[in-house]
Amino acid sequence: MAQDAGATTLALGVMEDNPRGRRAYARLGYDLTGERVHVREGRDELFLAKTLPPAPSSR
């Protein structure tokens, strides 16, 4: 998993005009980062991220 590889954050992009996708990611704990990229006329991609819990320690 991502935590096992040392990741502390997961990030992704979703199209601004995809409200169902944005709601789904919000339910999964992702927050808007404030970053956006203009993809083409009238369409922007918004970036979301969430902090991962620490990886369980191995015994």
N, C-alpha and C. Protein backbone atom coordinates (compact mmCIF):
# COMPACT_ATOMS: atom_id res chain seq x y z
N MET A 1 0.83 -1.17 0.00
CA MET A 1 0.00 0.00 0.00
C MET A 1 0.88 1.25 0.00
N ALA A 2 0.23 2.38 -0.18
CA ALA A 2 0.97 3.64 -0.26
C ALA A 2 1.75 3.93 1.02
N GLN A 3 1.14 3.67 2.18
CA GLN A 3 1.84 3.94 3.44
C GLN A 3 3.08 3.07 3.57
N ASP A 4 3.01 1.83 3.12
CA ASP A 4 4.16 0.93 3.19
C ASP A 4 5.33 1.45 2.37
N ALA A 5 5.02 2.21 1.32
CA ALA A 5 6.06 2.79 0.47
C ALA A 5 6.53 4.15 1.00
N GLY A 6 5.98 4.59 2.14
CA GLY A 6 6.41 5.84 2.75
C GLY A 6 5.57 7.05 2.38
N ALA A 7 4.48 6.86 1.63
CA ALA A 7 3.63 7.98 1.24
C ALA A 7 2.86 8.50 2.46
N THR A 8 2.71 9.82 2.53
CA THR A 8 1.94 10.43 3.61
C THR A 8 0.69 11.12 3.09
N THR A 9 0.61 11.30 1.76
CA THR A 9 -0.52 12.00 1.14
C THR A 9 -0.88 11.32 -0.17
N LEU A 10 -2.17 11.27 -0.46
CA LEU A 10 -2.66 10.85 -1.77
C LEU A 10 -3.27 12.06 -2.43
N ALA A 11 -3.02 12.25 -3.72
CA ALA A 11 -3.57 13.38 -4.45
C ALA A 11 -4.15 12.89 -5.77
N LEU A 12 -5.14 13.63 -6.26
CA LEU A 12 -5.77 13.27 -7.53
C LEU A 12 -6.41 14.51 -8.13
N GLY A 13 -6.81 14.37 -9.38
CA GLY A 13 -7.50 15.46 -10.06
C GLY A 13 -8.88 15.00 -10.51
N VAL A 14 -9.82 15.94 -10.53
CA VAL A 14 -11.18 15.66 -10.99
C VAL A 14 -11.65 16.89 -11.77
N MET A 15 -12.41 16.66 -12.81
CA MET A 15 -12.90 17.78 -13.61
C MET A 15 -13.90 18.61 -12.80
N GLU A 16 -13.78 19.93 -12.93
CA GLU A 16 -14.65 20.84 -12.18
C GLU A 16 -16.13 20.58 -12.48
N ASP A 17 -16.43 20.18 -13.71
CA ASP A 17 -17.82 19.97 -14.10
C ASP A 17 -18.29 18.53 -13.83
N ASN A 18 -17.65 17.86 -12.86
CA ASN A 18 -18.03 16.50 -12.47
C ASN A 18 -18.45 16.51 -10.99
N PRO A 19 -19.64 17.03 -10.68
CA PRO A 19 -20.05 17.14 -9.27
C PRO A 19 -20.18 15.79 -8.58
N ARG A 20 -20.59 14.75 -9.29
CA ARG A 20 -20.70 13.43 -8.65
C ARG A 20 -19.33 12.91 -8.24
N GLY A 21 -18.34 13.08 -9.09
CA GLY A 21 -16.98 12.66 -8.75
C GLY A 21 -16.44 13.46 -7.58
N ARG A 22 -16.68 14.77 -7.59
CA ARG A 22 -16.20 15.62 -6.49
C ARG A 22 -16.82 15.20 -5.17
N ARG A 23 -18.13 14.90 -5.17
CA ARG A 23 -18.79 14.45 -3.94
C ARG A 23 -18.25 13.10 -3.48
N ALA A 24 -18.02 12.19 -4.42
CA ALA A 24 -17.50 10.87 -4.06
C ALA A 24 -16.13 10.99 -3.39
N TYR A 25 -15.25 11.80 -3.96
CA TYR A 25 -13.92 11.97 -3.36
C TYR A 25 -14.01 12.67 -2.01
N ALA A 26 -14.93 13.62 -1.86
CA ALA A 26 -15.11 14.28 -0.56
C ALA A 26 -15.55 13.26 0.50
N ARG A 27 -16.44 12.34 0.13
CA ARG A 27 -16.87 11.30 1.07
C ARG A 27 -15.71 10.40 1.47
N LEU A 28 -14.73 10.25 0.58
CA LEU A 28 -13.56 9.42 0.87
C LEU A 28 -12.47 10.18 1.62
N GLY A 29 -12.74 11.44 1.97
CA GLY A 29 -11.80 12.20 2.79
C GLY A 29 -10.87 13.13 2.04
N TYR A 30 -11.08 13.31 0.74
CA TYR A 30 -10.23 14.22 -0.04
C TYR A 30 -10.74 15.65 0.11
N ASP A 31 -9.81 16.61 0.18
CA ASP A 31 -10.13 18.03 0.26
C ASP A 31 -9.52 18.76 -0.93
N LEU A 32 -10.19 19.81 -1.38
CA LEU A 32 -9.64 20.64 -2.46
C LEU A 32 -8.34 21.28 -1.99
N THR A 33 -7.34 21.30 -2.87
CA THR A 33 -6.06 21.91 -2.52
C THR A 33 -6.01 23.38 -2.92
N GLY A 34 -6.94 23.81 -3.77
CA GLY A 34 -6.92 25.18 -4.29
C GLY A 34 -6.21 25.27 -5.63
N GLU A 35 -5.59 24.18 -6.05
CA GLU A 35 -4.92 24.17 -7.35
C GLU A 35 -5.91 23.77 -8.43
N ARG A 36 -5.73 24.34 -9.61
CA ARG A 36 -6.55 23.97 -10.76
C ARG A 36 -5.72 24.16 -12.01
N VAL A 37 -6.04 23.38 -13.03
CA VAL A 37 -5.36 23.47 -14.32
C VAL A 37 -6.43 23.63 -15.39
N HIS A 38 -6.24 24.61 -16.25
CA HIS A 38 -7.15 24.80 -17.37
C HIS A 38 -6.84 23.73 -18.41
N VAL A 39 -7.79 22.84 -18.66
CA VAL A 39 -7.57 21.72 -19.57
C VAL A 39 -7.91 22.11 -21.00
N ARG A 40 -9.07 22.67 -21.19
CA ARG A 40 -9.47 23.20 -22.49
C ARG A 40 -10.62 24.16 -22.28
N GLU A 41 -11.08 24.78 -23.34
CA GLU A 41 -12.12 25.81 -23.26
C GLU A 41 -13.27 25.39 -22.35
N GLY A 42 -13.45 26.13 -21.27
CA GLY A 42 -14.55 25.89 -20.36
C GLY A 42 -14.39 24.73 -19.41
N ARG A 43 -13.21 24.10 -19.37
CA ARG A 43 -13.02 22.94 -18.49
C ARG A 43 -11.74 23.10 -17.68
N ASP A 44 -11.88 22.97 -16.37
CA ASP A 44 -10.73 23.01 -15.47
C ASP A 44 -10.69 21.72 -14.67
N GLU A 45 -9.47 21.29 -14.35
CA GLU A 45 -9.28 20.15 -13.47
C GLU A 45 -8.91 20.68 -12.09
N LEU A 46 -9.61 20.20 -11.07
CA LEU A 46 -9.35 20.59 -9.69
C LEU A 46 -8.54 19.49 -9.03
N PHE A 47 -7.66 19.89 -8.11
CA PHE A 47 -6.83 18.90 -7.42
C PHE A 47 -7.28 18.75 -5.98
N LEU A 48 -7.29 17.50 -5.54
CA LEU A 48 -7.70 17.14 -4.19
C LEU A 48 -6.61 16.30 -3.56
N ALA A 49 -6.56 16.30 -2.23
CA ALA A 49 -5.56 15.49 -1.53
C ALA A 49 -6.12 15.06 -0.18
N LYS A 50 -5.55 13.99 0.34
CA LYS A 50 -5.88 13.58 1.71
C LYS A 50 -4.63 13.03 2.37
N THR A 51 -4.55 13.26 3.67
CA THR A 51 -3.42 12.78 4.46
C THR A 51 -3.70 11.34 4.87
N LEU A 52 -2.69 10.51 4.73
CA LEU A 52 -2.82 9.10 5.10
C LEU A 52 -2.42 8.90 6.55
N PRO A 53 -3.06 7.95 7.22
CA PRO A 53 -2.61 7.62 8.57
C PRO A 53 -1.26 6.92 8.48
N PRO A 54 -0.49 6.92 9.55
CA PRO A 54 0.80 6.23 9.52
C PRO A 54 0.60 4.74 9.23
N ALA A 55 1.59 4.15 8.59
CA ALA A 55 1.55 2.71 8.31
C ALA A 55 1.62 1.96 9.64
N PRO A 56 0.90 0.87 9.74
CA PRO A 56 1.00 0.07 10.97
C PRO A 56 2.43 -0.43 11.14
N SER A 57 2.90 -0.43 12.35
CA SER A 57 4.27 -0.91 12.58
C SER A 57 4.30 -2.42 12.49
N SER A 58 5.36 -2.92 11.88
CA SER A 58 5.50 -4.38 11.78
C SER A 58 6.24 -4.89 13.01
N ARG A 59 5.90 -6.06 13.42
CA ARG A 59 6.53 -6.63 14.63
C ARG A 59 7.65 -7.55 14.26
